[in-house]
Amino acid sequence: MPRIALVTCRPGPRVSVDRDLPVLARALADAGASASVEVWDDAGVDWAAFDLALIRSTWDYSWRADEFTAWAERCGGATRLANPAPVVRWNTDKRYLADLAAAGVPTVPTSYAAPGESPGLPDGHEYVVKPTSGAGARFAARYTPGEHATAVRQVERMHAEGFTAMVQPYMRAIDTAGERALQFFGGRLLHASRKGAVLAPGTPYDARKVAHPGLEPWTPTAAEVAVAEAALAAVPGAAEPLYARVDLVDGDDGRPRVMELELVEPNLFLWLHERSLPRVVEAVLEAAR
């Protein structure tokens, strides 16, 4: 009987509810596994007692990235961790987009400003400012060139809290074509979804946003699959991620680009893709064995 920990975080006002977690735990139990939901920063958990620790909804990690990656190292030393600690460490900092771009993967153009550095804010088009460690559009906002002073205040606030800022052009196609999320599990495309724009004009960076507005099933194009697979092939290290979500948007040329590559705790949206549950269970059991 495989022993599997489904790793989550403590509930709180800034943390969403993982709708898939009880469904996955029940499905694994029905398949003969011993599956339990565990909190990643619970000091009383003996991770060595599990055959697999599967990170699922550790959705508070971006506030405590250093603490979380240290936990991943410890947990990965005690049992098999999915995704592996080196992958988690690389993916918790969105400067990985520079690595993907260097590998030839089409990505959204991104610049970075660490604390003490001045951001290069565009003066000819809309842009987005957000932290390199973030989730659920936290500390993210959309600006016009005329809102320069407000954007500077956001960067100053992030720098004061120790965050590196990233600046990207606002990808205008999001307003019409949306953002597509291609999800992989066990090395294969699992399913895909599309959502609308998250960042509305004028929404304050510290306001809570709806992370997945208008989410709906999506059939990915061949070009979208090719870009997603190229992004996964560029992940450093020999260990293949058990799960991944590749978020894509269209550039001005109409071609897909990587907005984010989620390898830490992506929402699987199993409530929207119920037919994917058996494949997820199969891949998790195989990983636990």
C-alpha atoms as a PDB file:
ATOM      1  CA  MET A   1       0.000   0.000   0.000  1.00  0.00           C
ATOM      2  CA  PRO A   2       1.783   3.200  -1.147  1.00  0.00           C
ATOM      3  CA  ARG A   3       1.919   5.899   1.517  1.00  0.00           C
ATOM      4  CA  ILE A   4       1.328   9.311  -0.041  1.00  0.00           C
ATOM      5  CA  ALA A   5       1.320  12.758   1.541  1.00  0.00           C
ATOM      6  CA  LEU A   6      -0.697  15.389  -0.288  1.00  0.00           C
ATOM      7  CA  VAL A   7       1.062  18.558   0.800  1.00  0.00           C
ATOM      8  CA  THR A   8      -0.914  21.736   1.406  1.00  0.00           C
ATOM      9  CA  CYS A   9      -0.759  24.810   3.654  1.00  0.00           C
ATOM     10  CA  ARG A  10      -2.702  26.109   6.600  1.00  0.00           C
ATOM     11  CA  PRO A  11      -5.981  27.862   5.791  1.00  0.00           C
ATOM     12  CA  GLY A  12      -6.011  31.629   6.043  1.00  0.00           C
ATOM     13  CA  PRO A  13      -7.619  34.791   4.674  1.00  0.00           C
ATOM     14  CA  ARG A  14      -5.055  35.055   1.851  1.00  0.00           C
ATOM     15  CA  VAL A  15      -5.217  31.378   0.876  1.00  0.00           C
ATOM     16  CA  SER A  16      -7.728  29.913  -1.577  1.00  0.00           C
ATOM     17  CA  VAL A  17      -9.503  26.633  -0.957  1.00  0.00           C
ATOM     18  CA  ASP A  18      -8.133  23.656  -2.891  1.00  0.00           C
ATOM     19  CA  ARG A  19     -11.280  22.111  -4.357  1.00  0.00           C
ATOM     20  CA  ASP A  20      -9.322  19.199  -5.826  1.00  0.00           C
ATOM     21  CA  LEU A  21      -7.578  18.099  -2.634  1.00  0.00           C
ATOM     22  CA  PRO A  22     -10.351  15.994  -1.009  1.00  0.00           C
ATOM     23  CA  VAL A  23     -11.289  14.547  -4.401  1.00  0.00           C
ATOM     24  CA  LEU A  24      -7.722  13.429  -5.092  1.00  0.00           C
ATOM     25  CA  ALA A  25      -7.265  12.030  -1.576  1.00  0.00           C
ATOM     26  CA  ARG A  26     -10.437   9.981  -1.892  1.00  0.00           C
ATOM     27  CA  ALA A  27      -9.522   8.717  -5.375  1.00  0.00           C
ATOM     28  CA  LEU A  28      -6.078   7.600  -4.194  1.00  0.00           C
ATOM     29  CA  ALA A  29      -7.622   5.798  -1.222  1.00  0.00           C
ATOM     30  CA  ASP A  30     -10.120   4.077  -3.538  1.00  0.00           C
ATOM     31  CA  ALA A  31      -7.150   2.943  -5.655  1.00  0.00           C
ATOM     32  CA  GLY A  32      -5.523   1.261  -2.654  1.00  0.00           C
ATOM     33  CA  ALA A  33      -3.131   3.936  -1.440  1.00  0.00           C
ATOM     34  CA  SER A  34      -2.781   5.358   2.031  1.00  0.00           C
ATOM     35  CA  ALA A  35      -3.213   9.066   1.277  1.00  0.00           C
ATOM     36  CA  SER A  36      -3.233  11.829   3.877  1.00  0.00           C
ATOM     37  CA  VAL A  37      -3.312  15.609   3.654  1.00  0.00           C
ATOM     38  CA  GLU A  38      -0.321  17.203   5.395  1.00  0.00           C
ATOM     39  CA  VAL A  39       0.701  20.835   6.001  1.00  0.00           C
ATOM     40  CA  TRP A  40       4.180  21.602   4.710  1.00  0.00           C
ATOM     41  CA  ASP A  41       5.351  23.605   7.734  1.00  0.00           C
ATOM     42  CA  ASP A  42       3.913  21.244  10.365  1.00  0.00           C
ATOM     43  CA  ALA A  43       6.982  20.274  12.403  1.00  0.00           C
ATOM     44  CA  GLY A  44       5.217  17.147  13.632  1.00  0.00           C
ATOM     45  CA  VAL A  45       5.036  15.446  10.231  1.00  0.00           C
ATOM     46  CA  ASP A  46       7.487  12.576   9.665  1.00  0.00           C
ATOM     47  CA  TRP A  47       8.083  12.882   5.937  1.00  0.00           C
ATOM     48  CA  ALA A  48      10.236   9.756   5.941  1.00  0.00           C
ATOM     49  CA  ALA A  49       7.077   7.770   6.745  1.00  0.00           C
ATOM     50  CA  PHE A  50       5.788   8.397   3.215  1.00  0.00           C
ATOM     51  CA  ASP A  51       6.759   6.869  -0.099  1.00  0.00           C
ATOM     52  CA  LEU A  52       5.878  10.126  -1.872  1.00  0.00           C
ATOM     53  CA  ALA A  53       5.246  13.701  -0.804  1.00  0.00           C
ATOM     54  CA  LEU A  54       3.171  15.328  -3.541  1.00  0.00           C
ATOM     55  CA  ILE A  55       3.096  19.130  -3.375  1.00  0.00           C
ATOM     56  CA  ARG A  56      -0.417  20.255  -4.120  1.00  0.00           C
ATOM     57  CA  SER A  57      -1.665  23.519  -2.617  1.00  0.00           C
ATOM     58  CA  THR A  58       1.172  25.103  -0.654  1.00  0.00           C
ATOM     59  CA  TRP A  59      -0.306  28.411  -1.738  1.00  0.00           C
ATOM     60  CA  ASP A  60       1.326  30.489   0.989  1.00  0.00           C
ATOM     61  CA  TYR A  61       4.872  29.688  -0.145  1.00  0.00           C
ATOM     62  CA  SER A  62       5.472  32.923  -2.035  1.00  0.00           C
ATOM     63  CA  TRP A  63       5.331  34.901   1.204  1.00  0.00           C
ATOM     64  CA  ARG A  64       7.993  32.576   2.654  1.00  0.00           C
ATOM     65  CA  ALA A  65       9.969  31.386  -0.339  1.00  0.00           C
ATOM     66  CA  ASP A  66      13.270  30.815   1.476  1.00  0.00           C
ATOM     67  CA  GLU A  67      11.574  28.872   4.250  1.00  0.00           C
ATOM     68  CA  PHE A  68       9.634  26.823   1.729  1.00  0.00           C
ATOM     69  CA  THR A  69      12.633  25.881  -0.389  1.00  0.00           C
ATOM     70  CA  ALA A  70      14.525  24.895   2.777  1.00  0.00           C
ATOM     71  CA  TRP A  71      11.610  22.614   3.671  1.00  0.00           C
ATOM     72  CA  ALA A  72      11.675  21.127   0.161  1.00  0.00           C
ATOM     73  CA  GLU A  73      15.346  20.265   0.605  1.00  0.00           C
ATOM     74  CA  ARG A  74      14.660  18.546   3.947  1.00  0.00           C
ATOM     75  CA  CYS A  75      11.595  16.721   2.676  1.00  0.00           C
ATOM     76  CA  GLY A  76      13.383  15.615  -0.485  1.00  0.00           C
ATOM     77  CA  GLY A  77      16.145  14.185   1.671  1.00  0.00           C
ATOM     78  CA  ALA A  78      13.647  12.129   3.669  1.00  0.00           C
ATOM     79  CA  THR A  79      11.413  10.784   0.886  1.00  0.00           C
ATOM     80  CA  ARG A  80      10.611  11.244  -2.774  1.00  0.00           C
ATOM     81  CA  LEU A  81       9.321  14.767  -3.307  1.00  0.00           C
ATOM     82  CA  ALA A  82       7.337  15.763  -6.370  1.00  0.00           C
ATOM     83  CA  ASN A  83       8.347  17.944  -7.843  1.00  0.00           C
ATOM     84  CA  PRO A  84      11.996  17.482  -6.745  1.00  0.00           C
ATOM     85  CA  ALA A  85      13.615  20.109  -4.542  1.00  0.00           C
ATOM     86  CA  PRO A  86      16.013  21.435  -7.249  1.00  0.00           C
ATOM     87  CA  VAL A  87      13.052  21.998  -9.581  1.00  0.00           C
ATOM     88  CA  VAL A  88      11.119  23.705  -6.791  1.00  0.00           C
ATOM     89  CA  ARG A  89      14.051  25.976  -5.942  1.00  0.00           C
ATOM     90  CA  TRP A  90      14.510  27.015  -9.585  1.00  0.00           C
ATOM     91  CA  ASN A  91      10.805  27.591 -10.172  1.00  0.00           C
ATOM     92  CA  THR A  92      10.008  29.654  -7.059  1.00  0.00           C
ATOM     93  CA  ASP A  93      11.847  32.605  -8.622  1.00  0.00           C
ATOM     94  CA  LYS A  94      10.312  33.848 -11.863  1.00  0.00           C
ATOM     95  CA  ARG A  95      13.726  34.847 -13.125  1.00  0.00           C
ATOM     96  CA  TYR A  96      13.550  31.354 -14.624  1.00  0.00           C
ATOM     97  CA  LEU A  97      11.890  33.125 -17.577  1.00  0.00           C
ATOM     98  CA  ALA A  98      15.332  34.425 -18.512  1.00  0.00           C
ATOM     99  CA  ASP A  99      16.621  30.839 -18.556  1.00  0.00           C
ATOM    100  CA  LEU A 100      13.766  29.773 -20.826  1.00  0.00           C
ATOM    101  CA  ALA A 101      14.376  32.697 -23.167  1.00  0.00           C
ATOM    102  CA  ALA A 102      18.099  31.880 -23.300  1.00  0.00           C
ATOM    103  CA  ALA A 103      17.160  28.327 -24.306  1.00  0.00           C
ATOM    104  CA  GLY A 104      15.160  29.664 -27.236  1.00  0.00           C
ATOM    105  CA  VAL A 105      11.691  29.232 -25.714  1.00  0.00           C
ATOM    106  CA  PRO A 106       9.265  31.991 -26.788  1.00  0.00           C
ATOM    107  CA  THR A 107       8.529  33.949 -23.599  1.00  0.00           C
ATOM    108  CA  VAL A 108       6.969  37.247 -22.600  1.00  0.00           C
ATOM    109  CA  PRO A 109       9.799  39.861 -22.587  1.00  0.00           C
ATOM    110  CA  THR A 110      10.752  40.517 -18.959  1.00  0.00           C
ATOM    111  CA  SER A 111      13.140  42.816 -17.106  1.00  0.00           C
ATOM    112  CA  TYR A 112      14.021  42.643 -13.418  1.00  0.00           C
ATOM    113  CA  ALA A 113      14.884  45.078 -10.639  1.00  0.00           C
ATOM    114  CA  ALA A 114      16.187  43.712  -7.345  1.00  0.00           C
ATOM    115  CA  PRO A 115      16.047  45.848  -4.189  1.00  0.00           C
ATOM    116  CA  GLY A 116      18.354  48.813  -4.685  1.00  0.00           C
ATOM    117  CA  GLU A 117      17.959  48.732  -8.483  1.00  0.00           C
ATOM    118  CA  SER A 118      15.808  51.110 -10.525  1.00  0.00           C
ATOM    119  CA  PRO A 119      13.190  49.453 -12.740  1.00  0.00           C
ATOM    120  CA  GLY A 120      13.084  50.367 -16.389  1.00  0.00           C
ATOM    121  CA  LEU A 121       9.413  51.322 -16.685  1.00  0.00           C
ATOM    122  CA  PRO A 122       8.155  51.683 -20.277  1.00  0.00           C
ATOM    123  CA  ASP A 123       6.927  55.065 -21.499  1.00  0.00           C
ATOM    124  CA  GLY A 124       5.308  53.959 -24.756  1.00  0.00           C
ATOM    125  CA  HIS A 125       2.900  51.159 -23.886  1.00  0.00           C
ATOM    126  CA  GLU A 126       0.970  49.457 -21.088  1.00  0.00           C
ATOM    127  CA  TYR A 127       2.971  47.190 -18.816  1.00  0.00           C
ATOM    128  CA  VAL A 128       2.701  44.910 -15.798  1.00  0.00           C
ATOM    129  CA  VAL A 129       4.697  45.047 -12.581  1.00  0.00           C
ATOM    130  CA  LYS A 130       4.793  42.036 -10.261  1.00  0.00           C
ATOM    131  CA  PRO A 131       7.212  40.230  -7.927  1.00  0.00           C
ATOM    132  CA  THR A 132       9.445  37.360  -9.000  1.00  0.00           C
ATOM    133  CA  SER A 133       8.013  35.379  -6.088  1.00  0.00           C
ATOM    134  CA  GLY A 134       4.255  35.527  -6.238  1.00  0.00           C
ATOM    135  CA  ALA A 135       1.042  33.592  -6.782  1.00  0.00           C
ATOM    136  CA  GLY A 136      -2.558  34.440  -7.528  1.00  0.00           C
ATOM    137  CA  ALA A 137      -1.575  37.823  -9.039  1.00  0.00           C
ATOM    138  CA  ARG A 138      -0.420  39.024  -5.617  1.00  0.00           C
ATOM    139  CA  PHE A 139       1.382  42.375  -5.855  1.00  0.00           C
ATOM    140  CA  ALA A 140       0.647  42.502  -9.596  1.00  0.00           C
ATOM    141  CA  ALA A 141      -0.797  45.490 -11.425  1.00  0.00           C
ATOM    142  CA  ARG A 142      -1.272  46.856 -14.919  1.00  0.00           C
ATOM    143  CA  TYR A 143      -0.152  50.395 -15.764  1.00  0.00           C
ATOM    144  CA  THR A 144      -0.262  52.951 -18.540  1.00  0.00           C
ATOM    145  CA  PRO A 145       2.742  55.241 -19.097  1.00  0.00           C
ATOM    146  CA  GLY A 146       0.784  58.009 -17.367  1.00  0.00           C
ATOM    147  CA  GLU A 147       0.694  56.003 -14.148  1.00  0.00           C
ATOM    148  CA  HIS A 148       4.458  56.016 -13.735  1.00  0.00           C
ATOM    149  CA  ALA A 149       4.425  57.454 -10.197  1.00  0.00           C
ATOM    150  CA  THR A 150       2.021  54.789  -8.944  1.00  0.00           C
ATOM    151  CA  ALA A 151       4.131  52.027 -10.497  1.00  0.00           C
ATOM    152  CA  VAL A 152       7.241  53.434  -8.822  1.00  0.00           C
ATOM    153  CA  ARG A 153       5.474  53.365  -5.449  1.00  0.00           C
ATOM    154  CA  GLN A 154       4.572  49.712  -6.020  1.00  0.00           C
ATOM    155  CA  VAL A 155       8.185  48.833  -6.789  1.00  0.00           C
ATOM    156  CA  GLU A 156       9.355  50.713  -3.701  1.00  0.00           C
ATOM    157  CA  ARG A 157       6.847  48.795  -1.578  1.00  0.00           C
ATOM    158  CA  MET A 158       8.001  45.446  -3.001  1.00  0.00           C
ATOM    159  CA  HIS A 159      11.652  46.343  -2.534  1.00  0.00           C
ATOM    160  CA  ALA A 160      10.971  47.326   1.082  1.00  0.00           C
ATOM    161  CA  GLU A 161       9.550  43.841   1.641  1.00  0.00           C
ATOM    162  CA  GLY A 162      12.547  42.187  -0.020  1.00  0.00           C
ATOM    163  CA  PHE A 163      10.947  41.303  -3.359  1.00  0.00           C
ATOM    164  CA  THR A 164      12.574  41.626  -6.766  1.00  0.00           C
ATOM    165  CA  ALA A 165      10.270  43.361  -9.231  1.00  0.00           C
ATOM    166  CA  MET A 166       9.674  42.155 -12.759  1.00  0.00           C
ATOM    167  CA  VAL A 167       8.323  44.315 -15.576  1.00  0.00           C
ATOM    168  CA  GLN A 168       6.569  42.936 -18.656  1.00  0.00           C
ATOM    169  CA  PRO A 169       4.662  44.544 -21.521  1.00  0.00           C
ATOM    170  CA  TYR A 170       0.945  44.066 -21.109  1.00  0.00           C
ATOM    171  CA  MET A 171       0.099  41.374 -23.637  1.00  0.00           C
ATOM    172  CA  ARG A 172      -2.923  42.913 -25.332  1.00  0.00           C
ATOM    173  CA  ALA A 173      -4.116  39.620 -26.825  1.00  0.00           C
ATOM    174  CA  ILE A 174      -5.119  38.491 -23.321  1.00  0.00           C
ATOM    175  CA  ASP A 175      -8.134  40.786 -23.583  1.00  0.00           C
ATOM    176  CA  THR A 176      -9.431  38.879 -26.617  1.00  0.00           C
ATOM    177  CA  ALA A 177      -7.787  35.433 -26.741  1.00  0.00           C
ATOM    178  CA  GLY A 178      -7.313  34.965 -22.992  1.00  0.00           C
ATOM    179  CA  GLU A 179      -4.555  33.009 -21.279  1.00  0.00           C
ATOM    180  CA  ARG A 180      -4.236  29.260 -21.876  1.00  0.00           C
ATOM    181  CA  ALA A 181      -3.000  26.815 -19.275  1.00  0.00           C
ATOM    182  CA  LEU A 182      -1.636  23.494 -20.561  1.00  0.00           C
ATOM    183  CA  GLN A 183      -1.250  20.937 -17.799  1.00  0.00           C
ATOM    184  CA  PHE A 184       1.050  17.943 -17.929  1.00  0.00           C
ATOM    185  CA  PHE A 185       1.146  14.988 -15.573  1.00  0.00           C
ATOM    186  CA  GLY A 186       3.427  11.973 -15.735  1.00  0.00           C
ATOM    187  CA  GLY A 187       5.169  13.422 -18.782  1.00  0.00           C
ATOM    188  CA  ARG A 188       2.011  13.684 -20.899  1.00  0.00           C
ATOM    189  CA  LEU A 189      -0.428  16.459 -21.720  1.00  0.00           C
ATOM    190  CA  LEU A 190      -3.291  16.067 -19.269  1.00  0.00           C
ATOM    191  CA  HIS A 191      -5.733  18.797 -20.280  1.00  0.00           C
ATOM    192  CA  ALA A 192      -5.896  22.509 -21.026  1.00  0.00           C
ATOM    193  CA  SER A 193      -7.969  25.475 -19.895  1.00  0.00           C
ATOM    194  CA  ARG A 194      -8.468  29.083 -20.885  1.00  0.00           C
ATOM    195  CA  LYS A 195      -9.193  32.070 -18.652  1.00  0.00           C
ATOM    196  CA  GLY A 196      -9.801  35.773 -19.111  1.00  0.00           C
ATOM    197  CA  ALA A 197      -7.650  38.722 -18.142  1.00  0.00           C
ATOM    198  CA  VAL A 198      -6.767  38.880 -14.447  1.00  0.00           C
ATOM    199  CA  LEU A 199      -5.471  42.454 -14.295  1.00  0.00           C
ATOM    200  CA  ALA A 200      -8.087  45.115 -14.953  1.00  0.00           C
ATOM    201  CA  PRO A 201      -6.981  48.713 -15.548  1.00  0.00           C
ATOM    202  CA  GLY A 202      -6.853  50.740 -12.351  1.00  0.00           C
ATOM    203  CA  THR A 203      -6.928  47.768  -9.964  1.00  0.00           C
ATOM    204  CA  PRO A 204      -4.497  48.461  -7.086  1.00  0.00           C
ATOM    205  CA  TYR A 205      -1.531  46.127  -6.866  1.00  0.00           C
ATOM    206  CA  ASP A 206      -2.381  45.219  -3.268  1.00  0.00           C
ATOM    207  CA  ALA A 207      -6.034  44.384  -4.028  1.00  0.00           C
ATOM    208  CA  ARG A 208      -7.008  40.731  -4.064  1.00  0.00           C
ATOM    209  CA  LYS A 209      -7.680  39.479  -7.581  1.00  0.00           C
ATOM    210  CA  VAL A 210      -9.669  36.611  -9.040  1.00  0.00           C
ATOM    211  CA  ALA A 211      -6.854  34.331 -10.149  1.00  0.00           C
ATOM    212  CA  HIS A 212      -8.761  32.345 -12.798  1.00  0.00           C
ATOM    213  CA  PRO A 213     -11.644  34.426 -14.192  1.00  0.00           C
ATOM    214  CA  GLY A 214     -13.969  32.734 -16.655  1.00  0.00           C
ATOM    215  CA  LEU A 215     -12.031  29.461 -16.614  1.00  0.00           C
ATOM    216  CA  GLU A 216     -13.193  27.024 -19.282  1.00  0.00           C
ATOM    217  CA  PRO A 217     -11.907  23.861 -20.991  1.00  0.00           C
ATOM    218  CA  TRP A 218      -9.647  24.477 -23.970  1.00  0.00           C
ATOM    219  CA  THR A 219      -8.337  22.388 -26.845  1.00  0.00           C
ATOM    220  CA  PRO A 220      -4.725  23.495 -27.370  1.00  0.00           C
ATOM    221  CA  THR A 221      -3.348  24.153 -30.821  1.00  0.00           C
ATOM    222  CA  ALA A 222      -0.289  22.358 -32.158  1.00  0.00           C
ATOM    223  CA  ALA A 223       1.702  25.587 -31.760  1.00  0.00           C
ATOM    224  CA  GLU A 224       0.681  25.877 -28.106  1.00  0.00           C
ATOM    225  CA  VAL A 225       1.669  22.287 -27.371  1.00  0.00           C
ATOM    226  CA  ALA A 226       5.016  22.788 -29.111  1.00  0.00           C
ATOM    227  CA  VAL A 227       5.870  25.876 -27.025  1.00  0.00           C
ATOM    228  CA  ALA A 228       4.780  24.149 -23.810  1.00  0.00           C
ATOM    229  CA  GLU A 229       6.899  21.095 -24.560  1.00  0.00           C
ATOM    230  CA  ALA A 230       9.879  23.315 -25.404  1.00  0.00           C
ATOM    231  CA  ALA A 231       9.521  25.025 -22.021  1.00  0.00           C
ATOM    232  CA  LEU A 232       9.464  21.692 -20.192  1.00  0.00           C
ATOM    233  CA  ALA A 233      12.483  20.466 -22.140  1.00  0.00           C
ATOM    234  CA  ALA A 234      14.414  23.542 -20.953  1.00  0.00           C
ATOM    235  CA  VAL A 235      13.886  22.837 -17.225  1.00  0.00           C
ATOM    236  CA  PRO A 236      17.384  22.330 -15.768  1.00  0.00           C
ATOM    237  CA  GLY A 237      18.372  19.048 -14.158  1.00  0.00           C
ATOM    238  CA  ALA A 238      17.879  15.428 -15.052  1.00  0.00           C
ATOM    239  CA  ALA A 239      14.682  14.812 -13.061  1.00  0.00           C
ATOM    240  CA  GLU A 240      11.507  15.116 -15.146  1.00  0.00           C
ATOM    241  CA  PRO A 241       8.764  17.036 -13.322  1.00  0.00           C
ATOM    242  CA  LEU A 242       5.845  14.823 -12.355  1.00  0.00           C
ATOM    243  CA  TYR A 243       3.445  17.681 -13.009  1.00  0.00           C
ATOM    244  CA  ALA A 244       3.570  21.043 -14.750  1.00  0.00           C
ATOM    245  CA  ARG A 245       1.355  23.854 -15.933  1.00  0.00           C
ATOM    246  CA  VAL A 246       2.483  26.061 -18.798  1.00  0.00           C
ATOM    247  CA  ASP A 247       0.622  29.378 -19.036  1.00  0.00           C
ATOM    248  CA  LEU A 248       0.595  30.837 -22.546  1.00  0.00           C
ATOM    249  CA  VAL A 249      -0.476  34.123 -24.091  1.00  0.00           C
ATOM    250  CA  ASP A 250      -0.261  35.397 -27.655  1.00  0.00           C
ATOM    251  CA  GLY A 251       2.264  38.001 -28.703  1.00  0.00           C
ATOM    252  CA  ASP A 252       1.489  40.794 -31.137  1.00  0.00           C
ATOM    253  CA  ASP A 253       2.446  38.362 -33.903  1.00  0.00           C
ATOM    254  CA  GLY A 254      -0.315  35.971 -32.822  1.00  0.00           C
ATOM    255  CA  ARG A 255       2.135  33.285 -31.717  1.00  0.00           C
ATOM    256  CA  PRO A 256       2.037  31.742 -28.229  1.00  0.00           C
ATOM    257  CA  ARG A 257       4.573  32.761 -25.597  1.00  0.00           C
ATOM    258  CA  VAL A 258       5.213  31.466 -22.108  1.00  0.00           C
ATOM    259  CA  MET A 259       3.802  33.771 -19.439  1.00  0.00           C
ATOM    260  CA  GLU A 260       4.637  31.424 -16.558  1.00  0.00           C
ATOM    261  CA  LEU A 261       5.819  27.858 -16.038  1.00  0.00           C
ATOM    262  CA  GLU A 262       4.269  26.454 -12.865  1.00  0.00           C
ATOM    263  CA  LEU A 263       6.231  23.537 -11.377  1.00  0.00           C
ATOM    264  CA  VAL A 264       5.659  24.072  -7.654  1.00  0.00           C
ATOM    265  CA  GLU A 265       1.957  23.985  -6.764  1.00  0.00           C
ATOM    266  CA  PRO A 266      -0.217  24.550  -9.833  1.00  0.00           C
ATOM    267  CA  ASN A 267      -3.953  24.151  -9.439  1.00  0.00           C
ATOM    268  CA  LEU A 268      -4.938  21.082 -11.461  1.00  0.00           C
ATOM    269  CA  PHE A 269      -8.536  22.227 -12.104  1.00  0.00           C
ATOM    270  CA  LEU A 270      -9.768  18.644 -11.743  1.00  0.00           C
ATOM    271  CA  TRP A 271     -13.200  20.040 -10.912  1.00  0.00           C
ATOM    272  CA  LEU A 272     -13.291  21.337 -14.486  1.00  0.00           C
ATOM    273  CA  HIS A 273     -11.647  18.256 -16.041  1.00  0.00           C
ATOM    274  CA  GLU A 274     -13.129  15.333 -14.104  1.00  0.00           C
ATOM    275  CA  ARG A 275     -12.058  12.814 -16.724  1.00  0.00           C
ATOM    276  CA  SER A 276      -8.406  13.565 -15.939  1.00  0.00           C
ATOM    277  CA  LEU A 277      -8.637  12.240 -12.374  1.00  0.00           C
ATOM    278  CA  PRO A 278      -7.899   8.556 -13.235  1.00  0.00           C
ATOM    279  CA  ARG A 279      -4.746   9.540 -15.156  1.00  0.00           C
ATOM    280  CA  VAL A 280      -3.537  11.678 -12.247  1.00  0.00           C
ATOM    281  CA  VAL A 281      -4.137   8.834  -9.789  1.00  0.00           C
ATOM    282  CA  GLU A 282      -2.292   6.394 -12.049  1.00  0.00           C
ATOM    283  CA  ALA A 283       0.726   8.698 -12.376  1.00  0.00           C
ATOM    284  CA  VAL A 284       0.851   9.434  -8.633  1.00  0.00           C
ATOM    285  CA  LEU A 285       0.728   5.740  -7.741  1.00  0.00           C
ATOM    286  CA  GLU A 286       3.491   4.997 -10.238  1.00  0.00           C
ATOM    287  CA  ALA A 287       5.627   7.775  -8.733  1.00  0.00           C
ATOM    288  CA  ALA A 288       5.012   6.443  -5.218  1.00  0.00           C
ATOM    289  CA  ARG A 289       6.173   2.967  -6.252  1.00  0.00           C
END
